Amino acid sequence: MCGRYVSATPAAQIAAYFGSTSPTTHLPASYNVAPTQDVYAVVAEDAGWRMEVFRWGFTPRWAKTGKPTPILINARAETLAEKPTFRTSLRSRRCLIPADGFYEWRSNPVDPKRGRKQPFFIHHPDGDPYAFAGLWELQDTPGAEGTPSSSCVIVTTTPNAPMVPIHNRMPVILPPSAWDRWLDREQTEVQLLQDLLLPAAAEVVALHAVATGVNNARHDGPQLIAPVVDGMA
């Protein structure tokens, strides 16, 4: 799964990297983006690509009003086309979610059910942003002025080789060669879309252990991604 990530690069720099317009709302840098927070997402429009601000975690539009529904932050790539929650968005509401990296927690290898989990920061070796495959949805009720009217979910897949010792899932990290197809609003062939949802190449993943301060969503700052000795976080 993906439950925390880093989005610290300024909006204008992200927009330039993806060749999109900048959003009208600029978010503060965050080294500990958590579910339900506002995040950047790149979507297609008639004139090209634009960067929006969405809420991370959505409720499907068909959910019954007034009944509790869990906030969805991840969507499994293998079942997108089968789930009523995601299949419409897969065909018509896809996005790229920029990230400077993400966190994952490794269970205690001696006793996975007990003991403190070790957090890791996963990032591109060259410092380039990641482009997570995402889906978005209109919210049932418009957001108040200055708040997002749409929300998004991060698509996950099986781990690549560097991630196997850490966790059994990872975000789908789309390479630049896949961006056009993923964002193309005319592309509705499910199989062609799902063919993109593969584990990232091993060479685009570097990782290191970080301190457990990231466990608390209220903590923020570049110190969260500083390396520590594994097992001494």
Protein backbone atom coordinates (compact mmCIF):
# COMPACT_ATOMS: atom_id res chain seq x y z
CA MET A 1 0.00 0.00 0.00
CA CYS A 2 0.99 3.64 0.01
CA GLY A 3 -0.06 5.55 3.12
CA ARG A 4 2.45 8.44 3.28
CA TYR A 5 4.56 10.26 0.74
CA VAL A 6 6.64 13.40 0.18
CA SER A 7 5.57 16.41 -1.88
CA ALA A 8 8.08 19.18 -1.22
CA THR A 9 8.91 20.41 -4.74
CA PRO A 10 7.30 23.79 -5.61
CA ALA A 11 4.24 23.67 -7.87
CA ALA A 12 5.87 25.62 -10.71
CA GLN A 13 8.79 23.18 -10.80
CA ILE A 14 6.47 20.16 -10.81
CA ALA A 15 4.37 21.70 -13.59
CA ALA A 16 7.48 22.33 -15.69
CA TYR A 17 8.65 18.74 -15.19
CA PHE A 18 5.33 17.31 -16.35
CA GLY A 19 4.67 19.93 -19.02
CA SER A 20 1.42 21.02 -17.41
CA THR A 21 -0.10 24.30 -16.30
CA SER A 22 0.41 25.31 -12.66
CA PRO A 23 -2.51 25.04 -10.22
CA THR A 24 -4.31 28.13 -9.00
CA THR A 25 -3.80 26.93 -5.42
CA HIS A 26 -0.25 26.25 -4.22
CA LEU A 27 0.22 23.79 -1.38
CA PRO A 28 2.92 24.05 1.28
CA ALA A 29 5.84 21.66 1.05
CA SER A 30 5.14 18.45 2.94
CA TYR A 31 7.51 15.66 3.92
CA ASN A 32 4.67 13.64 5.39
CA VAL A 33 1.61 13.78 3.14
CA ALA A 34 -1.18 11.76 4.78
CA PRO A 35 -4.61 10.55 3.63
CA THR A 36 -7.40 13.18 3.46
CA GLN A 37 -4.86 15.96 2.85
CA ASP A 38 -4.82 18.08 -0.32
CA VAL A 39 -2.37 16.91 -2.99
CA TYR A 40 -1.29 17.78 -6.51
CA ALA A 41 -2.49 15.74 -9.50
CA VAL A 42 -1.92 16.14 -13.24
CA VAL A 43 -4.91 15.59 -15.53
CA ALA A 44 -5.58 16.02 -19.25
CA GLU A 45 -7.72 18.76 -20.78
CA ASP A 46 -8.44 19.81 -24.36
CA ALA A 47 -5.50 22.22 -24.52
CA GLY A 48 -2.98 19.92 -22.82
CA TRP A 49 -2.29 18.94 -19.22
CA ARG A 50 -3.15 20.88 -16.09
CA MET A 51 -2.21 20.41 -12.47
CA GLU A 52 -5.08 20.32 -9.99
CA VAL A 53 -5.41 20.11 -6.23
CA PHE A 54 -7.38 17.05 -5.14
CA ARG A 55 -8.13 15.49 -1.78
CA TRP A 56 -6.28 12.22 -1.26
CA GLY A 57 -8.91 9.58 -0.51
CA PHE A 58 -12.32 9.39 -2.14
CA THR A 59 -15.75 7.95 -1.68
CA PRO A 60 -17.37 6.51 -4.84
CA ARG A 61 -20.21 8.62 -6.18
CA TRP A 62 -22.60 5.67 -6.02
CA ALA A 63 -22.17 5.31 -2.25
CA LYS A 64 -25.40 5.92 -0.34
CA THR A 65 -25.60 9.39 1.16
CA GLY A 66 -25.65 9.41 4.95
CA LYS A 67 -24.14 5.94 5.32
CA PRO A 68 -20.55 5.56 6.56
CA THR A 69 -18.15 4.66 3.77
CA PRO A 70 -14.42 4.18 4.26
CA ILE A 71 -12.08 6.69 2.62
CA LEU A 72 -10.19 4.93 -0.15
CA ILE A 73 -6.54 5.91 -0.52
CA ASN A 74 -5.20 2.97 -2.58
CA ALA A 75 -6.61 0.90 -5.44
CA ARG A 76 -5.20 -2.48 -6.45
CA ALA A 77 -4.12 -2.49 -10.11
CA GLU A 78 -5.16 -6.10 -10.57
CA THR A 79 -8.85 -5.48 -9.83
CA LEU A 80 -9.51 -1.93 -11.08
CA ALA A 81 -11.68 -3.04 -13.98
CA GLU A 82 -13.76 -5.38 -11.79
CA LYS A 83 -14.55 -3.06 -8.89
CA PRO A 84 -17.60 -0.77 -9.26
CA THR A 85 -15.69 1.67 -7.07
CA PHE A 86 -12.95 2.21 -9.67
CA ARG A 87 -13.96 0.95 -13.12
CA THR A 88 -15.60 4.17 -14.31
CA SER A 89 -12.64 6.28 -13.18
CA LEU A 90 -10.27 3.82 -14.86
CA ARG A 91 -11.96 4.53 -18.19
CA SER A 92 -12.43 8.27 -17.90
CA ARG A 93 -10.80 9.89 -14.84
CA ARG A 94 -7.11 9.05 -14.63
CA CYS A 95 -4.33 11.25 -13.28
CA LEU A 96 -0.66 11.38 -12.39
CA ILE A 97 0.13 12.11 -8.74
CA PRO A 98 3.59 13.71 -8.42
CA ALA A 99 5.73 12.67 -5.46
CA ASP A 100 9.30 13.22 -4.35
CA GLY A 101 9.21 9.77 -2.79
CA PHE A 102 7.14 7.66 -0.43
CA TYR A 103 7.39 5.80 2.85
CA GLU A 104 6.85 2.16 3.62
CA TRP A 105 7.21 0.17 6.83
CA ARG A 106 8.99 -3.17 7.14
CA SER A 107 7.73 -5.57 9.78
CA ASN A 108 10.11 -7.04 12.32
CA PRO A 109 11.69 -9.95 10.37
CA VAL A 110 11.97 -12.08 13.52
CA ASP A 111 8.38 -11.61 14.69
CA PRO A 112 6.23 -9.77 12.08
CA LYS A 113 3.22 -9.62 14.42
CA ARG A 114 5.11 -7.93 17.23
CA GLY A 115 7.77 -5.30 17.57
CA ARG A 116 8.23 -1.86 16.05
CA LYS A 117 8.13 -1.54 12.28
CA GLN A 118 11.05 0.16 10.54
CA PRO A 119 10.07 3.01 8.18
CA PHE A 120 11.92 3.46 4.89
CA PHE A 121 12.01 6.35 2.43
CA ILE A 122 11.81 5.28 -1.21
CA HIS A 123 12.86 7.72 -3.93
CA HIS A 124 14.39 8.07 -7.39
CA PRO A 125 18.20 7.74 -7.28
CA ASP A 126 18.56 10.90 -9.39
CA GLY A 127 16.11 12.92 -7.33
CA ASP A 128 13.52 13.06 -10.13
CA PRO A 129 9.85 13.15 -9.12
CA TYR A 130 7.77 10.00 -9.30
CA ALA A 131 4.50 9.92 -11.23
CA PHE A 132 2.10 7.66 -9.35
CA ALA A 133 -0.77 6.28 -11.39
CA GLY A 134 -3.95 7.73 -9.92
CA LEU A 135 -7.69 7.82 -10.41
CA TRP A 136 -9.92 10.72 -9.46
CA GLU A 137 -13.57 11.24 -8.65
CA LEU A 138 -15.92 14.17 -8.28
CA GLN A 139 -17.11 14.63 -4.73
CA ASP A 140 -20.81 14.30 -4.04
CA THR A 141 -20.98 17.86 -2.77
CA PRO A 142 -18.84 20.74 -4.06
CA GLY A 143 -15.99 21.77 -1.80
CA ALA A 144 -16.15 25.09 -0.02
CA GLU A 145 -14.28 27.98 -1.58
CA GLY A 146 -10.59 27.15 -1.62
CA THR A 147 -11.08 23.40 -1.04
CA PRO A 148 -10.89 20.63 -3.66
CA SER A 149 -14.08 19.53 -5.42
CA SER A 150 -12.48 16.25 -6.49
CA SER A 151 -10.52 13.50 -4.78
CA CYS A 152 -8.01 10.87 -5.84
CA VAL A 153 -6.65 7.43 -5.10
CA ILE A 154 -3.18 5.95 -5.72
CA VAL A 155 -2.98 2.73 -7.75
CA THR A 156 -0.75 0.03 -6.24
CA THR A 157 0.85 -3.13 -7.61
CA THR A 158 3.18 -5.93 -6.55
CA PRO A 159 6.68 -4.90 -5.38
CA ASN A 160 9.76 -4.76 -7.55
CA ALA A 161 13.03 -6.39 -6.44
CA PRO A 162 14.26 -3.58 -4.12
CA MET A 163 10.84 -3.38 -2.44
CA VAL A 164 10.30 -7.11 -1.86
CA PRO A 165 12.09 -7.14 1.54
CA ILE A 166 10.09 -4.09 2.68
CA HIS A 167 6.46 -4.65 1.69
CA ASN A 168 4.21 -6.73 -0.56
CA ARG A 169 2.74 -3.68 -2.37
CA MET A 170 4.05 -0.46 -3.88
CA PRO A 171 2.57 2.46 -5.84
CA VAL A 172 2.48 2.14 -9.62
CA ILE A 173 5.27 4.49 -10.73
CA LEU A 174 4.65 5.36 -14.36
CA PRO A 175 7.69 6.13 -16.55
CA PRO A 176 7.47 9.17 -18.86
CA SER A 177 6.85 6.85 -21.81
CA ALA A 178 3.51 5.82 -20.21
CA TRP A 179 2.18 9.25 -19.28
CA ASP A 180 0.50 10.04 -22.59
CA ARG A 181 -1.46 6.80 -22.71
CA TRP A 182 -2.49 6.98 -19.06
CA LEU A 183 -3.77 10.56 -19.36
CA ASP A 184 -5.30 10.24 -22.85
CA ARG A 185 -9.02 10.82 -22.34
CA GLU A 186 -9.78 9.06 -25.63
CA GLN A 187 -8.10 5.87 -24.40
CA THR A 188 -10.78 3.65 -22.89
CA GLU A 189 -9.42 0.20 -23.73
CA VAL A 190 -9.03 -1.33 -20.28
CA GLN A 191 -6.39 -3.88 -21.23
CA LEU A 192 -4.15 -1.23 -22.79
CA LEU A 193 -4.42 0.77 -19.58
CA GLN A 194 -3.81 -2.15 -17.27
CA ASP A 195 -0.73 -3.11 -19.30
CA LEU A 196 0.87 0.04 -17.87
CA LEU A 197 0.25 -0.89 -14.24
CA LEU A 198 3.45 -2.84 -13.59
CA PRO A 199 6.06 -2.73 -10.82
CA ALA A 200 8.62 0.01 -11.46
CA ALA A 201 12.02 -0.85 -12.91
CA ALA A 202 14.52 -1.60 -10.15
CA GLU A 203 16.85 1.17 -11.30
CA VAL A 204 14.35 3.94 -10.46
CA VAL A 205 14.14 2.89 -6.80
CA ALA A 206 16.57 3.80 -4.04
CA LEU A 207 15.67 3.41 -0.37
CA HIS A 208 17.01 3.91 3.10
CA ALA A 209 15.78 3.56 6.68
CA VAL A 210 14.46 6.70 8.39
CA ALA A 211 13.52 7.60 11.95
CA THR A 212 10.12 6.72 13.34
CA GLY A 213 9.11 10.37 13.57
CA VAL A 214 7.33 9.87 10.25
CA ASN A 215 4.88 7.56 12.01
CA ASN A 216 3.07 10.62 13.38
CA ALA A 217 1.23 12.50 10.63
CA ARG A 218 1.64 15.74 12.58
CA HIS A 219 5.41 15.58 12.13
CA ASP A 220 6.88 17.30 9.08
CA GLY A 221 10.16 18.62 7.73
CA PRO A 222 13.21 17.39 5.78
CA GLN A 223 14.58 15.60 8.84
CA LEU A 224 11.98 12.89 8.20
CA ILE A 225 13.83 11.65 5.09
CA ALA A 226 17.31 11.72 6.69
CA PRO A 227 18.95 8.27 6.65
CA VAL A 228 19.42 6.33 9.88
CA VAL A 229 21.02 2.99 10.63
CA ASP A 230 18.44 0.27 9.92
CA GLY A 231 17.06 -0.97 13.23
CA MET A 232 18.11 2.12 15.15
CA ALA A 233 15.42 4.54 13.97
